[in-house]
Amino acid sequence: MEVLLSAVLGEAITRSLNFFFRKSKLQEQDMEDCLCRVLLRAQVITDEAMGRQITNQAMLLQLDVL
């Protein structure tokens, strides 16, 4: 009986750990995709701004930050 209980508990723990590891990897991938989109958006904004004559000092400061 103890062997059966040990095997069942071991399998449950293994499956639980695998579930959490897979879930955390998906969250990391989602975060990486989100960061890539943000960087691409910043690049597009910067490229568009470089082609325009901008006189607003606040906007120029924001572009310098990007």
PDB file of N, CA and C in Angstrom:
ATOM      1  N   MET A   1       0.821  -1.193   0.000  1.00  0.00           N
ATOM      2  CA  MET A   1       0.000   0.000   0.000  1.00  0.00           C
ATOM      3  C   MET A   1       0.868   1.260   0.000  1.00  0.00           C
ATOM      4  N   GLU A   2       1.954   1.231   0.788  1.00  0.00           N
ATOM      5  CA  GLU A   2       2.834   2.390   0.851  1.00  0.00           C
ATOM      6  C   GLU A   2       3.515   2.637  -0.490  1.00  0.00           C
ATOM      7  N   VAL A   3       3.849   1.563  -1.185  1.00  0.00           N
ATOM      8  CA  VAL A   3       4.508   1.697  -2.485  1.00  0.00           C
ATOM      9  C   VAL A   3       3.556   2.356  -3.476  1.00  0.00           C
ATOM     10  N   LEU A   4       2.302   1.948  -3.466  1.00  0.00           N
ATOM     11  CA  LEU A   4       1.306   2.526  -4.367  1.00  0.00           C
ATOM     12  C   LEU A   4       1.093   4.004  -4.049  1.00  0.00           C
ATOM     13  N   LEU A   5       0.976   4.338  -2.783  1.00  0.00           N
ATOM     14  CA  LEU A   5       0.798   5.729  -2.369  1.00  0.00           C
ATOM     15  C   LEU A   5       2.007   6.572  -2.768  1.00  0.00           C
ATOM     16  N   SER A   6       3.193   6.036  -2.573  1.00  0.00           N
ATOM     17  CA  SER A   6       4.415   6.743  -2.945  1.00  0.00           C
ATOM     18  C   SER A   6       4.470   6.981  -4.453  1.00  0.00           C
ATOM     19  N   ALA A   7       4.095   5.995  -5.242  1.00  0.00           N
ATOM     20  CA  ALA A   7       4.113   6.133  -6.701  1.00  0.00           C
ATOM     21  C   ALA A   7       3.098   7.172  -7.163  1.00  0.00           C
ATOM     22  N   VAL A   8       1.904   7.153  -6.581  1.00  0.00           N
ATOM     23  CA  VAL A   8       0.857   8.104  -6.960  1.00  0.00           C
ATOM     24  C   VAL A   8       1.274   9.526  -6.585  1.00  0.00           C
ATOM     25  N   LEU A   9       1.791   9.711  -5.390  1.00  0.00           N
ATOM     26  CA  LEU A   9       2.238  11.040  -4.965  1.00  0.00           C
ATOM     27  C   LEU A   9       3.409  11.530  -5.818  1.00  0.00           C
ATOM     28  N   GLY A  10       4.333  10.647  -6.134  1.00  0.00           N
ATOM     29  CA  GLY A  10       5.463  11.018  -6.985  1.00  0.00           C
ATOM     30  C   GLY A  10       5.007  11.463  -8.359  1.00  0.00           C
ATOM     31  N   GLU A  11       4.069  10.737  -8.933  1.00  0.00           N
ATOM     32  CA  GLU A  11       3.544  11.096 -10.259  1.00  0.00           C
ATOM     33  C   GLU A  11       2.793  12.427 -10.208  1.00  0.00           C
ATOM     34  N   ALA A  12       2.014  12.641  -9.164  1.00  0.00           N
ATOM     35  CA  ALA A  12       1.271  13.898  -9.032  1.00  0.00           C
ATOM     36  C   ALA A  12       2.223  15.082  -8.886  1.00  0.00           C
ATOM     37  N   ILE A  13       3.256  14.918  -8.101  1.00  0.00           N
ATOM     38  CA  ILE A  13       4.227  16.004  -7.922  1.00  0.00           C
ATOM     39  C   ILE A  13       4.962  16.282  -9.221  1.00  0.00           C
ATOM     40  N   THR A  14       5.362  15.235  -9.930  1.00  0.00           N
ATOM     41  CA  THR A  14       6.065  15.410 -11.206  1.00  0.00           C
ATOM     42  C   THR A  14       5.196  16.149 -12.209  1.00  0.00           C
ATOM     43  N   ARG A  15       3.949  15.759 -12.312  1.00  0.00           N
ATOM     44  CA  ARG A  15       3.047  16.428 -13.259  1.00  0.00           C
ATOM     45  C   ARG A  15       2.802  17.883 -12.866  1.00  0.00           C
ATOM     46  N   SER A  16       2.674  18.136 -11.571  1.00  0.00           N
ATOM     47  CA  SER A  16       2.460  19.512 -11.110  1.00  0.00           C
ATOM     48  C   SER A  16       3.657  20.393 -11.437  1.00  0.00           C
ATOM     49  N   LEU A  17       4.854  19.892 -11.186  1.00  0.00           N
ATOM     50  CA  LEU A  17       6.057  20.664 -11.493  1.00  0.00           C
ATOM     51  C   LEU A  17       6.186  20.918 -12.991  1.00  0.00           C
ATOM     52  N   ASN A  18       5.914  19.902 -13.794  1.00  0.00           N
ATOM     53  CA  ASN A  18       5.974  20.086 -15.248  1.00  0.00           C
ATOM     54  C   ASN A  18       4.978  21.138 -15.712  1.00  0.00           C
ATOM     55  N   PHE A  19       3.796  21.143 -15.140  1.00  0.00           N
ATOM     56  CA  PHE A  19       2.779  22.131 -15.493  1.00  0.00           C
ATOM     57  C   PHE A  19       3.262  23.543 -15.187  1.00  0.00           C
ATOM     58  N   PHE A  20       3.815  23.742 -13.995  1.00  0.00           N
ATOM     59  CA  PHE A  20       4.279  25.079 -13.611  1.00  0.00           C
ATOM     60  C   PHE A  20       5.461  25.534 -14.459  1.00  0.00           C
ATOM     61  N   PHE A  21       6.365  24.621 -14.790  1.00  0.00           N
ATOM     62  CA  PHE A  21       7.506  24.992 -15.629  1.00  0.00           C
ATOM     63  C   PHE A  21       7.054  25.388 -17.027  1.00  0.00           C
ATOM     64  N   ARG A  22       6.120  24.638 -17.597  1.00  0.00           N
ATOM     65  CA  ARG A  22       5.609  24.985 -18.932  1.00  0.00           C
ATOM     66  C   ARG A  22       4.887  26.318 -18.903  1.00  0.00           C
ATOM     67  N   LYS A  23       4.118  26.562 -17.865  1.00  0.00           N
ATOM     68  CA  LYS A  23       3.376  27.815 -17.760  1.00  0.00           C
ATOM     69  C   LYS A  23       4.328  29.002 -17.642  1.00  0.00           C
ATOM     70  N   SER A  24       5.386  28.868 -16.864  1.00  0.00           N
ATOM     71  CA  SER A  24       6.337  29.975 -16.716  1.00  0.00           C
ATOM     72  C   SER A  24       7.082  30.234 -18.018  1.00  0.00           C
ATOM     73  N   LYS A  25       7.386  29.205 -18.789  1.00  0.00           N
ATOM     74  CA  LYS A  25       8.058  29.406 -20.077  1.00  0.00           C
ATOM     75  C   LYS A  25       7.145  30.141 -21.049  1.00  0.00           C
ATOM     76  N   LEU A  26       5.847  29.843 -21.021  1.00  0.00           N
ATOM     77  CA  LEU A  26       4.906  30.553 -21.886  1.00  0.00           C
ATOM     78  C   LEU A  26       4.842  32.023 -21.501  1.00  0.00           C
ATOM     79  N   GLN A  27       4.854  32.314 -20.212  1.00  0.00           N
ATOM     80  CA  GLN A  27       4.809  33.703 -19.768  1.00  0.00           C
ATOM     81  C   GLN A  27       6.073  34.443 -20.187  1.00  0.00           C
ATOM     82  N   GLU A  28       7.224  33.782 -20.129  1.00  0.00           N
ATOM     83  CA  GLU A  28       8.470  34.407 -20.569  1.00  0.00           C
ATOM     84  C   GLU A  28       8.407  34.722 -22.058  1.00  0.00           C
ATOM     85  N   GLN A  29       7.865  33.798 -22.849  1.00  0.00           N
ATOM     86  CA  GLN A  29       7.755  34.010 -24.289  1.00  0.00           C
ATOM     87  C   GLN A  29       6.801  35.161 -24.581  1.00  0.00           C
ATOM     88  N   ASP A  30       5.685  35.232 -23.853  1.00  0.00           N
ATOM     89  CA  ASP A  30       4.745  36.333 -24.039  1.00  0.00           C
ATOM     90  C   ASP A  30       5.400  37.669 -23.704  1.00  0.00           C
ATOM     91  N   MET A  31       6.179  37.701 -22.635  1.00  0.00           N
ATOM     92  CA  MET A  31       6.867  38.930 -22.239  1.00  0.00           C
ATOM     93  C   MET A  31       7.888  39.332 -23.300  1.00  0.00           C
ATOM     94  N   GLU A  32       8.606  38.358 -23.839  1.00  0.00           N
ATOM     95  CA  GLU A  32       9.595  38.649 -24.877  1.00  0.00           C
ATOM     96  C   GLU A  32       8.915  39.205 -26.126  1.00  0.00           C
ATOM     97  N   ASP A  33       7.787  38.620 -26.515  1.00  0.00           N
ATOM     98  CA  ASP A  33       7.043  39.123 -27.674  1.00  0.00           C
ATOM     99  C   ASP A  33       6.558  40.550 -27.435  1.00  0.00           C
ATOM    100  N   CYS A  34       6.070  40.816 -26.237  1.00  0.00           N
ATOM    101  CA  CYS A  34       5.583  42.158 -25.897  1.00  0.00           C
ATOM    102  C   CYS A  34       6.717  43.175 -25.968  1.00  0.00           C
ATOM    103  N   LEU A  35       7.876  42.822 -25.437  1.00  0.00           N
ATOM    104  CA  LEU A  35       9.020  43.736 -25.478  1.00  0.00           C
ATOM    105  C   LEU A  35       9.479  43.993 -26.910  1.00  0.00           C
ATOM    106  N   CYS A  36       9.433  42.956 -27.746  1.00  0.00           N
ATOM    107  CA  CYS A  36       9.807  43.138 -29.157  1.00  0.00           C
ATOM    108  C   CYS A  36       8.853  44.103 -29.849  1.00  0.00           C
ATOM    109  N   ARG A  37       7.565  43.985 -29.562  1.00  0.00           N
ATOM    110  CA  ARG A  37       6.588  44.897 -30.163  1.00  0.00           C
ATOM    111  C   ARG A  37       6.811  46.331 -29.693  1.00  0.00           C
ATOM    112  N   VAL A  38       7.120  46.508 -28.415  1.00  0.00           N
ATOM    113  CA  VAL A  38       7.370  47.850 -27.882  1.00  0.00           C
ATOM    114  C   VAL A  38       8.605  48.458 -28.531  1.00  0.00           C
ATOM    115  N   LEU A  39       9.661  47.676 -28.675  1.00  0.00           N
ATOM    116  CA  LEU A  39      10.878  48.183 -29.315  1.00  0.00           C
ATOM    117  C   LEU A  39      10.640  48.537 -30.777  1.00  0.00           C
ATOM    118  N   LEU A  40       9.873  47.709 -31.473  1.00  0.00           N
ATOM    119  CA  LEU A  40       9.552  47.995 -32.867  1.00  0.00           C
ATOM    120  C   LEU A  40       8.742  49.282 -32.976  1.00  0.00           C
ATOM    121  N   ARG A  41       7.797  49.458 -32.070  1.00  0.00           N
ATOM    122  CA  ARG A  41       6.983  50.681 -32.078  1.00  0.00           C
ATOM    123  C   ARG A  41       7.853  51.914 -31.819  1.00  0.00           C
ATOM    124  N   ALA A  42       8.768  51.816 -30.869  1.00  0.00           N
ATOM    125  CA  ALA A  42       9.667  52.935 -30.580  1.00  0.00           C
ATOM    126  C   ALA A  42      10.531  53.254 -31.791  1.00  0.00           C
ATOM    127  N   GLN A  43      10.987  52.226 -32.501  1.00  0.00           N
ATOM    128  CA  GLN A  43      11.800  52.442 -33.697  1.00  0.00           C
ATOM    129  C   GLN A  43      10.998  53.148 -34.785  1.00  0.00           C
ATOM    130  N   VAL A  44       9.754  52.744 -34.982  1.00  0.00           N
ATOM    131  CA  VAL A  44       8.903  53.374 -35.996  1.00  0.00           C
ATOM    132  C   VAL A  44       8.648  54.834 -35.643  1.00  0.00           C
ATOM    133  N   ILE A  45       8.354  55.108 -34.379  1.00  0.00           N
ATOM    134  CA  ILE A  45       8.109  56.486 -33.945  1.00  0.00           C
ATOM    135  C   ILE A  45       9.348  57.339 -34.164  1.00  0.00           C
ATOM    136  N   THR A  46      10.500  56.806 -33.812  1.00  0.00           N
ATOM    137  CA  THR A  46      11.752  57.546 -33.991  1.00  0.00           C
ATOM    138  C   THR A  46      12.027  57.808 -35.461  1.00  0.00           C
ATOM    139  N   ASP A  47      11.837  56.803 -36.304  1.00  0.00           N
ATOM    140  CA  ASP A  47      12.072  56.972 -37.742  1.00  0.00           C
ATOM    141  C   ASP A  47      11.144  58.024 -38.343  1.00  0.00           C
ATOM    142  N   GLU A  48       9.874  58.010 -37.937  1.00  0.00           N
ATOM    143  CA  GLU A  48       8.933  59.003 -38.453  1.00  0.00           C
ATOM    144  C   GLU A  48       9.306  60.404 -37.975  1.00  0.00           C
ATOM    145  N   ALA A  49       9.725  60.515 -36.726  1.00  0.00           N
ATOM    146  CA  ALA A  49      10.059  61.828 -36.172  1.00  0.00           C
ATOM    147  C   ALA A  49      11.307  62.411 -36.819  1.00  0.00           C
ATOM    148  N   MET A  50      12.242  61.581 -37.198  1.00  0.00           N
ATOM    149  CA  MET A  50      13.470  62.072 -37.822  1.00  0.00           C
ATOM    150  C   MET A  50      13.190  62.729 -39.172  1.00  0.00           C
ATOM    151  N   GLY A  51      12.121  62.318 -39.820  1.00  0.00           N
ATOM    152  CA  GLY A  51      11.783  62.881 -41.125  1.00  0.00           C
ATOM    153  C   GLY A  51      10.946  64.143 -41.047  1.00  0.00           C
ATOM    154  N   ARG A  52      10.616  64.601 -39.847  1.00  0.00           N
ATOM    155  CA  ARG A  52       9.768  65.786 -39.685  1.00  0.00           C
ATOM    156  C   ARG A  52      10.530  66.900 -38.993  1.00  0.00           C
ATOM    157  N   GLN A  53      10.056  68.115 -39.188  1.00  0.00           N
ATOM    158  CA  GLN A  53      10.637  69.279 -38.519  1.00  0.00           C
ATOM    159  C   GLN A  53       9.880  69.480 -37.210  1.00  0.00           C
ATOM    160  N   ILE A  54      10.456  69.082 -36.090  1.00  0.00           N
ATOM    161  CA  ILE A  54       9.796  69.169 -34.790  1.00  0.00           C
ATOM    162  C   ILE A  54      10.387  70.339 -34.013  1.00  0.00           C
ATOM    163  N   THR A  55       9.500  71.224 -33.542  1.00  0.00           N
ATOM    164  CA  THR A  55       9.958  72.392 -32.784  1.00  0.00           C
ATOM    165  C   THR A  55       9.546  72.332 -31.315  1.00  0.00           C
ATOM    166  N   ASN A  56       8.667  71.435 -30.964  1.00  0.00           N
ATOM    167  CA  ASN A  56       8.204  71.295 -29.585  1.00  0.00           C
ATOM    168  C   ASN A  56       9.333  70.691 -28.739  1.00  0.00           C
ATOM    169  N   GLN A  57       9.799  71.451 -27.750  1.00  0.00           N
ATOM    170  CA  GLN A  57      10.932  71.014 -26.931  1.00  0.00           C
ATOM    171  C   GLN A  57      10.619  69.745 -26.124  1.00  0.00           C
ATOM    172  N   ALA A  58       9.392  69.640 -25.627  1.00  0.00           N
ATOM    173  CA  ALA A  58       9.017  68.447 -24.862  1.00  0.00           C
ATOM    174  C   ALA A  58       9.068  67.206 -25.746  1.00  0.00           C
ATOM    175  N   MET A  59       8.599  67.333 -26.970  1.00  0.00           N
ATOM    176  CA  MET A  59       8.632  66.205 -27.894  1.00  0.00           C
ATOM    177  C   MET A  59      10.073  65.835 -28.242  1.00  0.00           C
ATOM    178  N   LEU A  60      10.921  66.841 -28.408  1.00  0.00           N
ATOM    179  CA  LEU A  60      12.330  66.573 -28.700  1.00  0.00           C
ATOM    180  C   LEU A  60      13.003  65.835 -27.540  1.00  0.00           C
ATOM    181  N   LEU A  61      12.647  66.194 -26.312  1.00  0.00           N
ATOM    182  CA  LEU A  61      13.198  65.494 -25.148  1.00  0.00           C
ATOM    183  C   LEU A  61      12.748  64.035 -25.119  1.00  0.00           C
ATOM    184  N   GLN A  62      11.478  63.800 -25.447  1.00  0.00           N
ATOM    185  CA  GLN A  62      10.979  62.428 -25.482  1.00  0.00           C
ATOM    186  C   GLN A  62      11.682  61.619 -26.562  1.00  0.00           C
ATOM    187  N   LEU A  63      11.941  62.232 -27.701  1.00  0.00           N
ATOM    188  CA  LEU A  63      12.650  61.527 -28.769  1.00  0.00           C
ATOM    189  C   LEU A  63      14.077  61.199 -28.358  1.00  0.00           C
ATOM    190  N   ASP A  64      14.701  62.096 -27.610  1.00  0.00           N
ATOM    191  CA  ASP A  64      16.050  61.815 -27.123  1.00  0.00           C
ATOM    192  C   ASP A  64      16.058  60.616 -26.178  1.00  0.00           C
ATOM    193  N   VAL A  65      14.984  60.465 -25.402  1.00  0.00           N
ATOM    194  CA  VAL A  65      14.881  59.326 -24.495  1.00  0.00           C
ATOM    195  C   VAL A  65      14.773  58.029 -25.287  1.00  0.00           C
ATOM    196  N   LEU A  66      14.020  58.062 -26.388  1.00  0.00           N
ATOM    197  CA  LEU A  66      13.887  56.859 -27.208  1.00  0.00           C
ATOM    198  C   LEU A  66      15.198  56.543 -27.871  1.00  0.00           C
TER     199      LEU A  66
END
